[in-house]
Protein backbone atom coordinates (compact mmCIF):
# COMPACT_ATOMS: atom_id res chain seq x y z
CA MET A 1 -141.48 -171.72 73.98
CA VAL A 2 -140.71 -168.30 73.04
CA ALA A 3 -138.11 -167.11 75.52
CA ILE A 4 -138.19 -163.28 76.70
CA PRO A 5 -135.59 -160.86 75.53
CA LEU A 6 -134.92 -159.78 78.32
CA GLY A 7 -132.57 -156.60 77.61
CA LYS A 8 -134.52 -155.11 75.83
CA MET A 9 -137.10 -155.00 78.26
CA PHE A 10 -134.74 -153.84 80.36
CA ILE A 11 -134.41 -150.53 78.00
CA LEU A 12 -137.86 -149.94 77.15
CA ALA A 13 -138.31 -150.05 81.35
CA VAL A 14 -134.77 -147.28 81.26
CA LYS A 15 -136.58 -145.17 78.71
CA GLN A 16 -140.09 -145.25 80.83
CA VAL A 17 -138.52 -144.06 83.36
CA ALA A 18 -136.05 -141.52 82.21
CA LYS A 19 -139.34 -139.56 81.22
CA PRO A 20 -140.43 -139.26 84.88
CA MET A 21 -136.99 -138.30 86.33
CA ALA A 22 -136.38 -135.88 83.79
CA LYS A 23 -139.89 -134.46 84.75
CA GLY A 24 -138.10 -134.34 88.26
CA ILE A 25 -135.37 -132.97 87.38
CA LYS A 26 -137.03 -129.73 85.68
CA ASN A 27 -138.93 -129.39 89.00
CA ALA A 28 -135.86 -129.67 91.24
CA ALA A 29 -134.11 -127.18 89.07
CA VAL A 30 -137.09 -124.80 89.21
CA ASN A 31 -137.44 -125.19 92.81
CA SER A 32 -133.90 -124.30 93.84
CA PRO A 33 -133.20 -121.05 93.92
CA PHE A 34 -129.25 -121.86 93.25
CA VAL A 35 -129.61 -124.55 90.16
CA ARG A 36 -132.38 -121.57 88.97
CA ASN A 37 -130.45 -118.79 89.14
CA LYS A 38 -127.52 -119.91 88.20
CA ILE A 39 -127.60 -122.85 86.50
CA VAL A 40 -131.31 -123.42 84.56
CA MET A 41 -131.45 -119.51 84.05
CA PRO A 42 -128.70 -118.50 82.29
CA ILE A 43 -129.13 -121.54 79.98
CA GLY A 44 -133.04 -120.61 78.72
CA GLN A 45 -131.24 -116.83 78.28
CA GLY A 46 -128.93 -118.71 76.27
CA PHE A 47 -131.22 -120.84 74.43
CA ASN A 48 -133.71 -118.16 73.35
CA TRP A 49 -130.29 -116.18 72.07
CA PHE A 50 -129.43 -118.98 69.94
CA ASP A 51 -132.83 -119.79 68.65
CA VAL A 52 -133.19 -116.03 67.75
CA LYS A 53 -129.89 -115.66 66.22
CA ILE A 54 -130.49 -118.47 63.99
CA GLN A 55 -134.27 -117.58 63.25
CA THR A 56 -133.14 -114.31 62.00
CA LYS A 57 -130.37 -115.36 59.69
CA LEU A 58 -132.47 -118.00 58.32
CA MET A 59 -134.93 -114.98 57.47
CA GLY A 60 -132.18 -113.22 56.28
CA ALA A 61 -131.64 -110.29 58.45
CA SER A 62 -128.72 -109.28 60.60
CA GLY A 63 -127.47 -107.29 63.36
CA SER A 64 -130.73 -107.63 64.93
CA LYS A 65 -130.70 -107.48 69.03
CA VAL A 66 -131.72 -109.94 71.11
CA TYR A 67 -134.07 -109.21 74.51
CA LYS A 68 -133.26 -111.26 77.59
CA LEU A 69 -136.66 -113.15 78.83
CA ASN A 70 -138.08 -112.25 81.84
CA GLU A 71 -137.07 -114.94 84.39
CA LYS A 72 -140.15 -116.39 84.86
CA VAL A 73 -139.86 -117.99 80.47
CA ALA A 74 -136.06 -117.86 81.20
CA ILE A 75 -136.37 -120.77 83.72
CA GLU A 76 -139.35 -122.74 81.89
CA TYR A 77 -137.31 -122.67 78.78
CA GLY A 78 -133.91 -124.11 80.32
CA ALA A 79 -135.74 -126.31 82.56
CA GLU A 80 -137.03 -128.00 79.37
CA LEU A 81 -134.35 -127.75 77.44
CA ILE A 82 -132.42 -129.71 80.76
CA SER A 83 -135.28 -132.07 80.78
CA GLU A 84 -135.04 -132.83 77.00
CA LEU A 85 -131.15 -133.28 76.93
CA PHE A 86 -131.67 -135.88 79.78
CA ILE A 87 -134.04 -137.82 77.64
CA TYR A 88 -132.04 -137.60 74.47
CA SER A 89 -129.19 -138.57 76.02
CA VAL A 90 -130.47 -141.50 78.10
CA GLY A 91 -132.07 -142.54 74.26
CA SER A 92 -128.51 -141.82 73.26
CA VAL A 93 -127.03 -144.28 75.64
CA ILE A 94 -129.47 -146.43 74.97
CA LEU A 95 -128.37 -146.53 71.42
CA LEU A 96 -124.96 -146.72 71.64
CA TYR A 97 -125.52 -149.95 73.99
CA GLU A 98 -127.64 -151.36 71.84
CA TYR A 99 -124.97 -150.99 68.92
CA SER A 100 -122.43 -152.08 71.08
CA ARG A 101 -124.12 -155.38 71.70
CA SER A 102 -125.14 -155.76 68.09
CA ASN A 103 -121.58 -155.66 67.07
CA ALA A 104 -119.97 -157.66 69.21
CA LYS A 105 -123.08 -160.16 68.83
CA GLU A 106 -122.08 -160.44 64.75
CA GLU A 107 -118.41 -160.26 66.05
CA LYS A 108 -119.12 -163.54 67.93
CA ARG A 109 -121.05 -165.15 65.08
CA GLU A 110 -118.23 -164.39 62.07
CA ALA A 111 -115.36 -165.79 64.57
CA LYS A 112 -117.44 -169.32 65.39
CA GLN A 113 -118.26 -169.26 61.47
CA GLN A 114 -114.04 -168.61 61.13
CA GLU A 115 -113.50 -171.43 63.46
CA GLU A 116 -116.25 -174.02 61.66
CA ALA A 117 -114.51 -172.82 58.45
CA ASN A 118 -110.68 -173.89 59.67
CA LYS A 119 -112.44 -177.10 61.18
CA MET A 120 -113.32 -177.74 57.93
CA LYS A 121 -110.34 -176.69 55.99
CA LYS A 122 -108.42 -179.02 58.68
CA GLU A 123 -110.79 -181.97 57.96
CA ILE A 124 -109.99 -181.56 54.49
CA GLU A 125 -106.71 -181.70 54.80
CA SER A 126 -106.53 -184.70 57.12
CA LEU A 127 -108.78 -186.26 54.19
CA GLN A 128 -106.17 -185.36 51.20
CA GLU A 129 -103.67 -186.75 53.39
CA SER A 130 -105.39 -189.75 54.33
CA LEU A 131 -106.07 -190.40 50.23
CA PHE A 132 -102.61 -190.04 49.46
CA ASP A 133 -101.62 -192.07 52.19
CA THR A 134 -104.11 -194.48 50.70
CA SER A 135 -102.97 -194.21 47.10
CA PHE A 136 -99.63 -194.49 47.85
CA ILE A 137 -100.36 -197.72 49.81
CA ILE A 138 -102.07 -199.47 46.38
CA GLU A 139 -99.53 -198.05 44.52
CA GLU A 140 -96.84 -200.50 46.19
CA GLN A 141 -99.57 -203.43 46.47
CA SER A 142 -100.18 -202.57 43.01
CA ALA A 143 -96.49 -203.19 42.23
CA GLU A 144 -95.81 -206.18 44.53
CA ILE A 145 -98.95 -208.08 42.96
CA ARG A 146 -96.75 -207.63 39.53
CA LEU A 147 -93.66 -208.79 40.56
CA VAL A 148 -95.71 -211.99 42.08
């Protein structure tokens, strides 16, 4: 019987739920006047400014003026950026969780191997001690036989 990896199934479910949640965040950001005007639109304008500056520097131009986007486009850019950041954040948290879980599993396996190695070492020492005691007894008995 094959065990179902419930942890991986949960992670996959979280990834699938993150996409509609991101869409909901995007819709809420667009529909709320406060969020739209104070958060989403400035993020969209900032993203556009950054994008245009990077593109002009990559093309070798400098000193170009970045014009502001109209409100609708800025809100769309900002909302899209927020939803993508949410999806990437969820993915990053999942990645870090998997990495941490994998490290813990590896450390547990190494500790178990170390414990087994220590157990074998103690067993070897015990056998060596027993062998030494047995050889000492044999020497004593050999000496007694020679005397008889």
